[in-house]
Protein backbone atom coordinates (compact mmCIF):
# COMPACT_ATOMS: atom_id res chain seq x y z
CA UNK A 1 34.68 -7.11 33.89
CA UNK A 2 36.88 -4.53 35.62
CA UNK A 3 37.74 -6.15 39.01
CA UNK A 4 37.84 -2.74 40.68
CA UNK A 5 34.29 -2.03 39.58
CA UNK A 6 33.13 -5.36 41.00
CA UNK A 7 34.71 -4.59 44.36
CA UNK A 8 33.25 -1.09 44.34
CA UNK A 9 29.81 -2.44 43.46
CA UNK A 10 29.94 -4.91 46.30
CA UNK A 11 31.50 -2.77 49.00
CA UNK A 12 31.23 0.92 48.10
CA UNK A 13 28.15 1.28 50.27
CA UNK A 14 29.67 -0.46 53.27
CA UNK A 15 30.77 2.66 55.14
CA UNK A 16 27.42 4.38 54.64
CA UNK A 17 25.41 1.29 55.59
CA UNK A 18 27.60 0.72 58.62
CA UNK A 19 27.10 4.31 59.73
CA UNK A 20 23.36 4.02 59.34
CA UNK A 21 23.32 0.69 61.14
CA UNK A 22 24.98 1.83 64.38
CA UNK A 23 23.00 1.50 67.58
CA UNK A 24 20.63 4.44 67.96
CA UNK A 25 17.44 5.36 69.75
CA UNK A 26 14.19 4.01 68.26
CA UNK A 27 13.13 7.51 67.27
CA UNK A 28 16.41 8.03 65.43
CA UNK A 29 16.10 4.68 63.64
CA UNK A 30 12.54 5.53 62.60
CA UNK A 31 13.70 8.88 61.24
CA UNK A 32 16.43 7.19 59.23
CA UNK A 33 13.96 4.71 57.71
CA UNK A 34 11.57 7.54 56.92
CA UNK A 35 14.37 9.55 55.26
CA UNK A 36 15.30 6.54 53.09
CA UNK A 37 11.69 5.98 52.03
CA UNK A 38 11.19 9.66 51.25
CA UNK A 39 14.32 9.77 49.12
CA UNK A 40 13.24 6.69 47.16
CA UNK A 41 9.69 7.97 46.75
CA UNK A 42 10.81 11.39 45.53
CA UNK A 43 13.46 10.15 43.12
CA UNK A 44 11.24 7.36 41.74
CA UNK A 45 8.19 9.59 41.23
CA UNK A 46 9.00 10.29 37.58
CA UNK A 47 8.84 6.58 36.74
CA UNK A 48 5.46 5.08 37.62
CA UNK A 49 6.62 1.47 37.24
CA UNK A 50 9.52 1.87 39.66
CA UNK A 51 7.42 3.95 42.04
CA UNK A 52 4.65 1.33 42.04
CA UNK A 53 7.12 -1.43 42.85
CA UNK A 54 8.56 0.41 45.85
CA UNK A 55 5.12 1.39 47.16
CA UNK A 56 4.06 -2.26 47.03
CA UNK A 57 7.19 -3.44 48.86
CA UNK A 58 7.07 -0.71 51.51
CA UNK A 59 10.22 0.83 50.05
CA UNK A 60 12.38 -2.11 51.08
CA UNK A 61 15.84 -1.79 49.48
CA UNK A 62 16.69 -3.98 46.50
CA UNK A 63 20.33 -2.89 46.14
CA UNK A 64 21.50 -0.95 49.18
CA UNK A 65 21.20 -3.50 51.96
CA UNK A 66 24.31 -4.66 53.80
CA UNK A 67 23.93 -8.44 53.40
CA UNK A 68 25.39 -10.79 50.78
CA UNK A 69 22.18 -10.79 48.73
CA UNK A 70 22.30 -7.03 48.19
CA UNK A 71 26.02 -7.09 47.47
CA UNK A 72 25.47 -9.86 44.89
CA UNK A 73 22.74 -7.82 43.19
CA UNK A 74 24.97 -4.74 42.96
CA UNK A 75 27.91 -6.71 41.62
CA UNK A 76 25.79 -8.57 39.05
CA UNK A 77 24.20 -5.37 37.78
CA UNK A 78 27.48 -3.48 37.43
CA UNK A 79 29.07 -6.41 35.60
CA UNK A 80 26.09 -6.61 33.22
CA UNK A 81 26.21 -2.87 32.51
CA UNK A 82 29.97 -2.88 31.95
CA UNK A 83 29.71 -5.74 29.45
CA UNK A 84 26.54 -4.57 27.69
CA UNK A 85 28.49 -4.16 24.45
CA UNK A 86 28.87 -7.96 24.31
CA UNK A 87 25.12 -8.06 23.62
CA UNK A 88 25.34 -5.28 21.05
CA UNK A 89 23.86 -2.75 23.48
CA UNK A 90 24.99 0.88 23.97
CA UNK A 91 27.21 0.90 27.06
CA UNK A 92 27.02 4.70 27.29
CA UNK A 93 23.30 4.36 27.96
CA UNK A 94 24.04 2.84 31.38
CA UNK A 95 25.90 5.28 33.68
CA UNK A 96 28.29 2.85 35.35
CA UNK A 97 30.83 5.49 36.41
CA UNK A 98 28.10 7.71 37.83
CA UNK A 99 26.59 4.77 39.69
CA UNK A 100 29.91 3.73 41.19
CA UNK A 101 30.70 7.32 42.21
CA UNK A 102 27.29 7.71 43.83
CA UNK A 103 27.79 4.48 45.78
CA UNK A 104 31.27 5.50 46.85
CA UNK A 105 30.20 9.01 47.91
CA UNK A 106 27.00 8.03 49.79
CA UNK A 107 27.20 9.39 53.35
CA UNK A 108 23.63 9.73 54.54
CA UNK A 109 20.49 7.65 54.53
CA UNK A 110 19.02 10.07 51.97
CA UNK A 111 22.06 9.42 49.76
CA UNK A 112 21.30 5.70 50.08
CA UNK A 113 17.74 6.27 48.91
CA UNK A 114 18.94 8.18 45.85
CA UNK A 115 21.48 5.44 45.05
CA UNK A 116 18.75 2.82 45.43
CA UNK A 117 16.62 4.48 42.77
CA UNK A 118 19.58 5.13 40.46
CA UNK A 119 20.43 1.44 40.49
CA UNK A 120 16.82 0.44 39.84
CA UNK A 121 16.63 2.85 36.89
CA UNK A 122 19.81 1.44 35.39
CA UNK A 123 18.54 -2.09 35.89
CA UNK A 124 15.19 -1.34 34.25
CA UNK A 125 16.82 0.38 31.27
CA UNK A 126 19.27 -2.49 30.72
CA UNK A 127 16.63 -5.19 31.23
CA UNK A 128 14.16 -3.55 28.84
CA UNK A 129 16.85 -3.03 26.18
CA UNK A 130 18.09 -6.61 26.36
CA UNK A 131 14.67 -8.21 26.54
CA UNK A 132 12.82 -6.17 23.88
CA UNK A 133 15.30 -3.93 22.12
CA UNK A 134 16.91 -0.51 22.31
CA UNK A 135 14.69 1.05 19.64
CA UNK A 136 10.97 1.45 19.03
CA UNK A 137 10.62 -0.05 15.52
CA UNK A 138 7.86 2.22 14.22
CA UNK A 139 9.95 5.30 14.99
CA UNK A 140 12.73 4.08 12.71
CA UNK A 141 10.78 3.18 9.55
CA UNK A 142 7.07 3.15 8.77
CA UNK A 143 7.41 -0.36 7.31
CA UNK A 144 8.33 -1.69 10.75
CA UNK A 145 4.84 -2.57 11.95
CA UNK A 146 6.17 -4.92 14.60
CA UNK A 147 4.54 -4.40 17.98
CA UNK A 148 7.17 -5.17 20.59
CA UNK A 149 6.06 -6.37 24.00
CA UNK A 150 7.78 -4.21 26.61
CA UNK A 151 8.27 -5.62 30.12
CA UNK A 152 6.18 -4.36 33.02
CA UNK A 153 8.70 -2.51 35.19
CA UNK A 154 7.13 -3.40 38.52
CA UNK A 155 6.86 -7.07 37.54
CA UNK A 156 10.45 -7.04 36.27
CA UNK A 157 11.79 -5.77 39.60
CA UNK A 158 9.58 -8.18 41.56
CA UNK A 159 10.87 -11.14 39.54
CA UNK A 160 14.47 -9.99 39.98
CA UNK A 161 14.35 -9.88 43.78
CA UNK A 162 13.12 -13.49 43.82
CA UNK A 163 15.89 -14.76 41.53
CA UNK A 164 19.62 -15.40 41.58
CA UNK A 165 20.90 -12.04 40.25
CA UNK A 166 23.44 -13.14 37.64
CA UNK A 167 21.21 -15.87 36.22
CA UNK A 168 18.26 -13.52 35.97
CA UNK A 169 20.26 -10.91 34.05
CA UNK A 170 21.59 -13.53 31.65
CA UNK A 171 18.08 -14.86 30.97
CA UNK A 172 16.88 -11.46 29.79
CA UNK A 173 18.39 -11.98 26.34
CA UNK A 174 16.34 -13.85 23.71
CA UNK A 175 16.60 -17.58 24.36
CA UNK A 176 16.98 -18.54 20.72
CA UNK A 177 19.66 -20.43 18.84
CA UNK A 178 19.73 -17.61 16.30
CA UNK A 179 20.50 -14.97 18.90
CA UNK A 180 23.30 -17.02 20.43
CA UNK A 181 24.76 -17.79 17.02
CA UNK A 182 24.68 -14.12 16.03
CA UNK A 183 26.62 -13.27 19.21
CA UNK A 184 29.33 -15.73 18.13
CA UNK A 185 29.43 -14.17 14.67
CA UNK A 186 29.72 -10.75 16.29
CA UNK A 187 32.79 -11.89 18.24
CA UNK A 188 34.31 -13.48 15.12
CA UNK A 189 33.91 -10.27 13.14
CA UNK A 190 35.26 -8.12 15.96
CA UNK A 191 38.35 -10.30 16.12
CA UNK A 192 38.79 -10.10 12.35
CA UNK A 193 38.42 -6.32 12.39
CA UNK A 194 41.00 -6.07 15.20
CA UNK A 195 43.36 -8.05 12.96
CA UNK A 196 42.86 -5.63 10.08
CA UNK A 197 39.78 -6.97 8.29
CA UNK A 198 39.65 -9.07 5.13
CA UNK A 199 42.43 -7.37 3.21
CA UNK A 200 42.41 -5.53 -0.10
CA UNK A 201 39.22 -5.24 -2.10
CA UNK A 202 39.12 -7.04 -5.45
CA UNK A 203 40.03 -4.43 -8.11
CA UNK A 204 37.80 -5.66 -10.94
CA UNK A 205 34.15 -6.39 -11.75
CA UNK A 206 34.48 -9.95 -13.10
CA UNK A 207 36.77 -12.97 -12.77
CA UNK A 208 36.15 -16.41 -14.27
CA UNK A 209 37.73 -19.86 -13.86
CA UNK A 210 41.08 -19.96 -15.64
CA UNK A 211 41.89 -16.31 -14.97
CA UNK A 212 45.18 -15.37 -13.33
CA UNK A 213 46.98 -12.33 -12.02
CA UNK A 214 46.92 -9.94 -9.08
CA UNK A 215 43.12 -9.61 -8.92
CA UNK A 216 42.80 -13.40 -8.60
CA UNK A 217 45.36 -13.41 -5.75
CA UNK A 218 43.39 -10.69 -3.93
CA UNK A 219 40.14 -12.60 -4.49
CA UNK A 220 41.72 -15.76 -3.14
CA UNK A 221 43.22 -13.99 -0.11
CA UNK A 222 39.91 -12.33 0.72
CA UNK A 223 38.00 -15.61 0.56
CA UNK A 224 40.69 -17.26 2.71
CA UNK A 225 40.31 -14.49 5.30
CA UNK A 226 36.52 -14.95 5.25
CA UNK A 227 36.87 -18.68 5.84
CA UNK A 228 35.69 -19.99 2.47
CA UNK A 229 39.05 -21.34 1.31
CA UNK A 230 42.09 -23.07 2.80
CA UNK A 231 45.30 -21.06 2.78
CA UNK A 232 47.30 -21.27 -0.47
CA UNK A 233 49.31 -19.03 -2.80
CA UNK A 234 48.06 -20.15 -6.21
CA UNK A 235 47.56 -17.20 -8.59
CA UNK A 236 45.12 -19.03 -10.90
CA UNK A 237 41.31 -19.20 -10.67
CA UNK A 238 41.39 -22.98 -10.15
CA UNK A 239 38.81 -25.53 -9.02
CA UNK A 240 39.38 -24.74 -5.33
CA UNK A 241 38.71 -21.06 -5.92
CA UNK A 242 35.68 -21.94 -8.06
CA UNK A 243 34.21 -23.99 -5.19
CA UNK A 244 34.95 -21.20 -2.71
CA UNK A 245 33.14 -18.66 -4.90
CA UNK A 246 30.19 -21.07 -5.16
CA UNK A 247 30.05 -21.37 -1.37
CA UNK A 248 30.23 -17.61 -0.96
CA UNK A 249 27.46 -17.07 -3.51
CA UNK A 250 25.20 -19.58 -1.78
CA UNK A 251 25.79 -17.95 1.60
CA UNK A 252 24.99 -14.52 0.17
CA UNK A 253 21.88 -15.32 -1.85
CA UNK A 254 23.59 -14.83 -5.20
CA UNK A 255 23.29 -16.85 -8.39
CA UNK A 256 25.57 -19.80 -7.63
CA UNK A 257 27.55 -20.30 -10.85
CA UNK A 258 31.10 -20.11 -9.50
CA UNK A 259 31.86 -17.02 -11.60
CA UNK A 260 32.86 -13.90 -9.69
CA UNK A 261 30.66 -11.48 -11.61
CA UNK A 262 29.73 -7.90 -10.67
CA UNK A 263 27.20 -8.74 -7.92
CA UNK A 264 29.52 -11.37 -6.44
CA UNK A 265 32.55 -9.04 -6.47
CA UNK A 266 30.44 -6.30 -4.90
CA UNK A 267 29.39 -8.65 -2.08
CA UNK A 268 32.93 -9.97 -1.57
CA UNK A 269 34.20 -6.39 -1.27
CA UNK A 270 31.79 -5.52 1.55
CA UNK A 271 33.93 -4.60 4.57
CA UNK A 272 33.95 -6.65 7.76
CA UNK A 273 32.79 -3.52 9.59
CA UNK A 274 29.66 -3.38 7.44
CA UNK A 275 28.96 -7.06 8.07
CA UNK A 276 29.31 -6.37 11.80
CA UNK A 277 26.73 -3.59 11.49
CA UNK A 278 24.35 -6.10 9.88
CA UNK A 279 24.89 -8.52 12.78
CA UNK A 280 24.28 -5.82 15.38
CA UNK A 281 21.07 -4.86 13.58
CA UNK A 282 20.07 -8.54 13.43
CA UNK A 283 20.56 -8.85 17.20
CA UNK A 284 18.27 -5.88 17.74
CA UNK A 285 15.70 -7.36 15.35
CA UNK A 286 15.87 -10.68 17.21
CA UNK A 287 15.01 -8.82 20.43
CA UNK A 288 11.89 -7.44 18.73
CA UNK A 289 10.46 -10.83 17.81
CA UNK A 290 7.94 -12.62 20.06
CA UNK A 291 9.58 -14.98 22.54
CA UNK A 292 7.02 -17.65 21.67
CA UNK A 293 7.10 -17.98 17.88
CA UNK A 294 5.10 -21.17 17.63
CA UNK A 295 6.12 -24.83 17.61
CA UNK A 296 5.13 -24.62 13.95
CA UNK A 297 5.44 -21.23 12.31
CA UNK A 298 5.92 -19.58 8.94
CA UNK A 299 8.96 -17.38 8.45
CA UNK A 300 9.15 -15.00 5.50
CA UNK A 301 12.55 -13.32 5.21
CA UNK A 302 12.08 -10.46 2.81
CA UNK A 303 15.77 -9.89 2.05
CA UNK A 304 16.18 -13.59 1.22
CA UNK A 305 13.02 -13.62 -0.92
CA UNK A 306 11.98 -16.85 0.78
CA UNK A 307 9.16 -18.40 2.78
CA UNK A 308 9.74 -21.29 5.17
CA UNK A 309 7.65 -23.55 7.36
CA UNK A 310 9.51 -24.26 10.60
CA UNK A 311 8.60 -27.20 12.84
CA UNK A 312 10.28 -27.44 16.25
CA UNK A 313 13.18 -25.33 15.04
CA UNK A 314 13.73 -27.26 11.80
CA UNK A 315 12.85 -25.96 8.33
CA UNK A 316 10.47 -28.55 6.85
CA UNK A 317 9.48 -26.61 3.72
CA UNK A 318 11.05 -23.74 1.81
CA UNK A 319 10.17 -21.88 -1.37
CA UNK A 320 11.23 -18.75 -3.22
CA UNK A 321 9.15 -15.62 -2.77
CA UNK A 322 8.50 -12.26 -4.39
CA UNK A 323 8.14 -9.26 -2.06
CA UNK A 324 6.88 -5.70 -2.50
CA UNK A 325 8.53 -3.38 -4.96
CA UNK A 326 11.00 -0.91 -3.45
CA UNK A 327 8.74 2.13 -3.69
CA UNK A 328 7.15 4.09 -0.87
CA UNK A 329 3.68 2.59 -1.29
CA UNK A 330 4.62 -1.02 -2.14
CA UNK A 331 7.28 -2.20 0.30
CA UNK A 332 6.21 -5.26 2.28
CA UNK A 333 5.77 -4.45 5.97
CA UNK A 334 7.21 -6.42 8.89
CA UNK A 335 4.91 -7.86 11.52
CA UNK A 336 3.65 -11.10 13.07
CA UNK A 337 0.15 -12.54 12.90
CA UNK A 338 -1.62 -15.90 12.70
CA UNK A 339 -2.63 -17.76 9.52
CA UNK A 340 -6.03 -19.39 10.02
CA UNK A 341 -7.23 -20.28 6.51
CA UNK A 342 -6.48 -20.51 2.82
CA UNK A 343 -8.73 -19.69 -0.12
CA UNK A 344 -8.59 -22.01 -3.11
CA UNK A 345 -9.69 -20.45 -6.42
CA UNK A 346 -9.63 -16.96 -4.89
CA UNK A 347 -11.16 -13.82 -6.29
CA UNK A 348 -8.94 -10.77 -6.24
CA UNK A 349 -10.68 -7.91 -4.54
CA UNK A 350 -8.60 -5.00 -5.76
CA UNK A 351 -7.31 -2.76 -2.95
CA UNK A 352 -8.67 0.77 -2.99
CA UNK A 353 -5.18 2.23 -3.43
CA UNK A 354 -4.61 0.23 -6.62
CA UNK A 355 -8.06 1.09 -7.97
CA UNK A 356 -7.57 4.83 -7.58
CA UNK A 357 -3.88 5.04 -8.51
CA UNK A 358 -3.69 2.55 -11.37
CA UNK A 359 -7.11 1.61 -12.76
CA UNK A 360 -9.28 4.70 -12.41
CA UNK A 361 -7.05 6.81 -14.69
CA UNK A 362 -7.40 4.08 -17.35
CA UNK A 363 -11.18 3.89 -16.91
CA UNK A 364 -11.48 7.65 -17.26
CA UNK A 365 -9.75 7.43 -20.63
CA UNK A 366 -11.48 4.25 -21.74
CA UNK A 367 -14.44 2.68 -19.86
CA UNK A 368 -13.61 -0.70 -21.38
CA UNK A 369 -10.08 -0.72 -19.99
CA UNK A 370 -8.93 -3.50 -17.60
CA UNK A 371 -11.68 -5.73 -18.94
CA UNK A 372 -10.51 -8.70 -16.84
CA UNK A 373 -11.92 -6.93 -13.78
CA UNK A 374 -15.55 -6.67 -12.70
CA UNK A 375 -16.71 -3.29 -11.40
CA UNK A 376 -19.26 -3.62 -8.59
CA UNK A 377 -21.37 -1.27 -6.50
CA UNK A 378 -21.82 -1.27 -2.73
CA UNK A 379 -24.27 -4.19 -2.99
CA UNK A 380 -21.94 -6.30 -5.09
CA UNK A 381 -23.88 -5.76 -8.31
CA UNK A 382 -21.93 -5.44 -11.57
CA UNK A 383 -21.66 -1.92 -12.97
CA UNK A 384 -22.05 -1.40 -16.72
CA UNK A 385 -18.99 -0.32 -18.65
CA UNK A 386 -21.20 2.33 -20.27
CA UNK A 387 -20.83 4.31 -17.06
CA UNK A 388 -19.20 7.75 -17.27
CA UNK A 389 -16.12 7.12 -15.12
CA UNK A 390 -14.47 10.39 -16.14
CA UNK A 391 -16.60 12.30 -13.66
CA UNK A 392 -15.02 10.57 -10.67
CA UNK A 393 -11.92 11.52 -8.76
CA UNK A 394 -9.85 9.18 -6.62
CA UNK A 395 -11.82 10.38 -3.60
CA UNK A 396 -15.31 10.18 -5.11
CA UNK A 397 -15.04 6.88 -7.05
CA UNK A 398 -17.86 4.81 -5.43
CA UNK A 399 -17.17 1.35 -6.85
CA UNK A 400 -15.15 -1.74 -6.01
CA UNK A 401 -13.29 -3.98 -8.45
CA UNK A 402 -12.95 -7.74 -8.49
CA UNK A 403 -11.15 -10.30 -10.61
CA UNK A 404 -13.05 -13.64 -10.62
CA UNK A 405 -11.25 -16.94 -9.90
CA UNK A 406 -9.16 -18.43 -12.70
CA UNK A 407 -5.65 -19.34 -13.72
CA UNK A 408 -4.96 -15.75 -14.81
CA UNK A 409 -6.16 -14.26 -11.53
CA UNK A 410 -3.58 -11.91 -10.00
CA UNK A 411 -3.56 -14.13 -6.89
CA UNK A 412 -3.17 -17.31 -8.90
CA UNK A 413 -5.11 -20.33 -7.65
CA UNK A 414 -4.62 -20.12 -3.89
CA UNK A 415 -4.01 -17.50 -1.22
CA UNK A 416 -3.03 -17.94 2.43
CA UNK A 417 -4.69 -15.64 4.92
CA UNK A 418 -3.56 -14.25 8.25
CA UNK A 419 -6.12 -11.43 8.50
CA UNK A 420 -4.40 -8.15 9.33
CA UNK A 421 -5.00 -4.43 8.97
CA UNK A 422 -2.27 -4.13 6.34
CA UNK A 423 -4.12 -6.41 3.88
CA UNK A 424 -1.00 -8.55 3.43
CA UNK A 425 -1.12 -12.26 2.65
CA UNK A 426 0.78 -15.02 0.82
CA UNK A 427 -0.43 -16.16 -2.58
CA UNK A 428 0.15 -17.86 -5.91
CA UNK A 429 0.82 -15.81 -9.05
CA UNK A 430 0.55 -16.39 -12.81
CA UNK A 431 3.83 -14.47 -13.27
CA UNK A 432 6.12 -17.44 -12.67
CA UNK A 433 9.04 -15.87 -14.55
CA UNK A 434 9.61 -13.40 -11.69
CA UNK A 435 11.04 -16.19 -9.53
CA UNK A 436 14.01 -16.51 -11.87
CA UNK A 437 15.36 -13.11 -10.79
CA UNK A 438 18.04 -12.80 -8.13
CA UNK A 439 16.36 -9.75 -6.56
CA UNK A 440 12.62 -10.43 -6.41
CA UNK A 441 10.89 -7.20 -5.35
CA UNK A 442 7.95 -6.72 -7.72
CA UNK A 443 4.62 -7.01 -5.87
CA UNK A 444 2.26 -4.41 -4.38
CA UNK A 445 3.27 -5.60 -0.91
CA UNK A 446 1.89 -9.12 -0.58
CA UNK A 447 4.17 -12.16 -0.70
CA UNK A 448 4.03 -14.33 -3.83
CA UNK A 449 5.15 -17.96 -3.58
CA UNK A 450 6.98 -19.99 -6.23
CA UNK A 451 5.48 -23.28 -5.03
CA UNK A 452 2.08 -22.39 -3.56
CA UNK A 453 0.51 -25.82 -4.10
CA UNK A 454 3.32 -27.57 -2.24
CA UNK A 455 3.05 -24.93 0.50
CA UNK A 456 -0.67 -25.79 0.78
CA UNK A 457 0.04 -29.53 0.94
CA UNK A 458 2.49 -28.96 3.82
CA UNK A 459 -0.08 -26.92 5.77
CA UNK A 460 -2.90 -29.39 5.11
CA UNK A 461 -0.81 -32.45 5.99
CA UNK A 462 -1.73 -32.07 9.65
CA UNK A 463 -5.47 -32.29 8.99
CA UNK A 464 -5.94 -34.26 5.77
CA UNK A 465 -4.98 -37.90 5.17
CA UNK A 466 -4.12 -37.10 1.55
CA UNK A 467 -3.52 -33.33 1.44
CA UNK A 468 -2.62 -33.24 -2.26
CA UNK A 469 -5.77 -35.10 -3.29
CA UNK A 470 -7.92 -32.90 -1.03
CA UNK A 471 -6.41 -29.71 -2.42
CA UNK A 472 -6.94 -30.68 -6.05
CA UNK A 473 -10.50 -31.91 -5.50
CA UNK A 474 -11.36 -28.43 -4.22
CA UNK A 475 -9.29 -26.74 -6.93
CA UNK A 476 -11.01 -28.67 -9.71
CA UNK A 477 -14.42 -27.34 -8.69
CA UNK A 478 -13.34 -23.91 -9.90
CA UNK A 479 -15.33 -22.43 -7.02
CA UNK A 480 -13.91 -19.96 -4.56
CA UNK A 481 -13.56 -22.05 -1.37
CA UNK A 482 -12.34 -21.19 2.10
CA UNK A 483 -10.41 -23.97 3.87
CA UNK A 484 -9.79 -23.38 7.57
CA UNK A 485 -6.63 -24.58 9.26
CA UNK A 486 -7.50 -26.78 12.23
CA UNK A 487 -4.31 -25.55 13.88
CA UNK A 488 -3.68 -21.86 13.05
CA UNK A 489 -0.03 -21.12 12.31
CA UNK A 490 1.90 -18.01 13.46
CA UNK A 491 3.39 -16.02 10.59
CA UNK A 492 6.45 -13.82 11.03
CA UNK A 493 7.33 -11.41 8.22
CA UNK A 494 10.93 -10.50 8.99
CA UNK A 495 13.77 -8.64 7.26
CA UNK A 496 17.22 -10.02 7.99
CA UNK A 497 20.38 -9.07 6.14
CA UNK A 498 22.41 -11.27 8.48
CA UNK A 499 21.61 -14.61 10.07
CA UNK A 500 23.25 -17.93 10.87
CA UNK A 501 22.35 -20.94 8.75
CA UNK A 502 21.51 -24.45 9.91
CA UNK A 503 25.16 -25.57 9.65
CA UNK A 504 26.45 -22.60 11.62
CA UNK A 505 27.53 -20.57 8.60
CA UNK A 506 26.92 -16.82 8.46
CA UNK A 507 24.63 -15.67 5.64
CA UNK A 508 24.23 -12.12 4.39
CA UNK A 509 21.80 -10.40 2.04
CA UNK A 510 21.28 -7.00 0.40
CA UNK A 511 19.50 -4.28 2.34
CA UNK A 512 16.73 -4.21 -0.29
CA UNK A 513 14.64 -1.42 1.25
CA UNK A 514 17.45 0.37 3.11
CA UNK A 515 15.75 -0.44 6.43
CA UNK A 516 18.82 -1.90 8.11
CA UNK A 517 20.78 1.24 7.27
CA UNK A 518 18.14 3.26 9.14
CA UNK A 519 18.21 0.88 12.10
CA UNK A 520 22.00 1.04 12.28
CA UNK A 521 21.87 4.83 12.19
CA UNK A 522 19.40 4.81 15.09
CA UNK A 523 21.43 2.27 17.07
CA UNK A 524 24.58 4.29 16.50
CA UNK A 525 22.80 7.45 17.69
CA UNK A 526 21.75 5.50 20.81
CA UNK A 527 25.40 4.65 21.48
CA UNK A 528 25.99 1.22 19.91
CA UNK A 529 29.55 1.03 18.58
CA UNK A 530 31.67 -1.33 16.51
CA UNK A 531 33.69 -2.47 19.50
CA UNK A 532 36.71 -4.65 18.85
CA UNK A 533 37.15 -7.98 20.58
CA UNK A 534 38.16 -7.92 24.25
CA UNK A 535 41.72 -9.16 24.68
């Protein structure tokens, strides 16, 4: 923090407060109080939350008093605003210079009232940004369905005046290990960028063990700079370099074969500045998540194509996943909900959008098309294939479609439900070969699991003595069966291109849907910058 700013924050109002506090007649003192209240009321009128707080407290000052408490509040706020970039926030959003000038230039009680409201506005803006994010997710991308809980302004101010100022401001940030670890990665990258980054980019598309030459030296130097390899000057793709490439591939979600192929070289050549953008976006995304995520919860990271069960902060089960195809109508959305049951031997009730876009055109050409699906009317009765489907449009088609339970069902043999308005759920699939791909974006939006049975066992373990036996007894009936979870489990569908692994290592992934690029653009427009490390 700038020491001058701290002194100004603490003492800039002293002359004005002293002038107001001189001995005066009761009528004069009353007029001064009234002038202060009027100034606060007028300047706060455009913000109902701030206005409501001051009305409730009788317009008592939060910032502009003359005692140590008020000075501590001013100093803590100015320090927080000046160092907002440490949290990945836009410092230009908080008018520190204007605040300090207003405090320094205050000469009348009315001036004090205006300063009081200015400080409260800056506090509310900073607190809301740090607690729940700078951006409104849905305004950035329509796949961001996350509903962020914004703080109640009046409550926020009321809590602040009861707390130690500096501690309160520090507690506004997400209290998660992930957030704190991302802040450390941010500082590491800023330091690396200040030193010049990771060096030259590797000038080739493939290098294998045994190779030698300048490209190998550049590859080695880049991995050394990233922290995957101890410093050396060997110009051969040796065992040490092979292990370093393996480590890099694992940390970046690539096929871990130790060969620096095209996708590996592309990832290695990503600039430190771009990785820093990913971290800044991840910090913003972390601010969007619910503070209480559940002692046990399910975490689906779309960019990692994975689904995890997390118990008390530890991953107790993990499996590969397939997410929605990267097209406008198929991308998997991001939101949180609660899983309360699974369906064993599920039917697939075909979504209306798939019926009209994919199946109706086929039925119009051939009424016997898609024969694995039943066509049903509004009462659930089967409709004859002799029907003249060609007379229907996408809007007028009156029927539903259903695929009965079975091993070839599009949902496989089990689906996991967290009822939501987006009709998204986790499920099995007969298309097991899709899990062999490095980039697994193929579905209509739902999340397919590579090991759905094992996922079911893990969920049932808390309510069944032998979860595997229970699951297969139900499965073997062949009947569609709903199994409720005695303890519903929160589900968080997230999208992280940067996060910190369990051993403290940074992991990065592709921006599959281009969402992080949009978020970075919005953060940049709001004033977030790639600041270098403070020296």
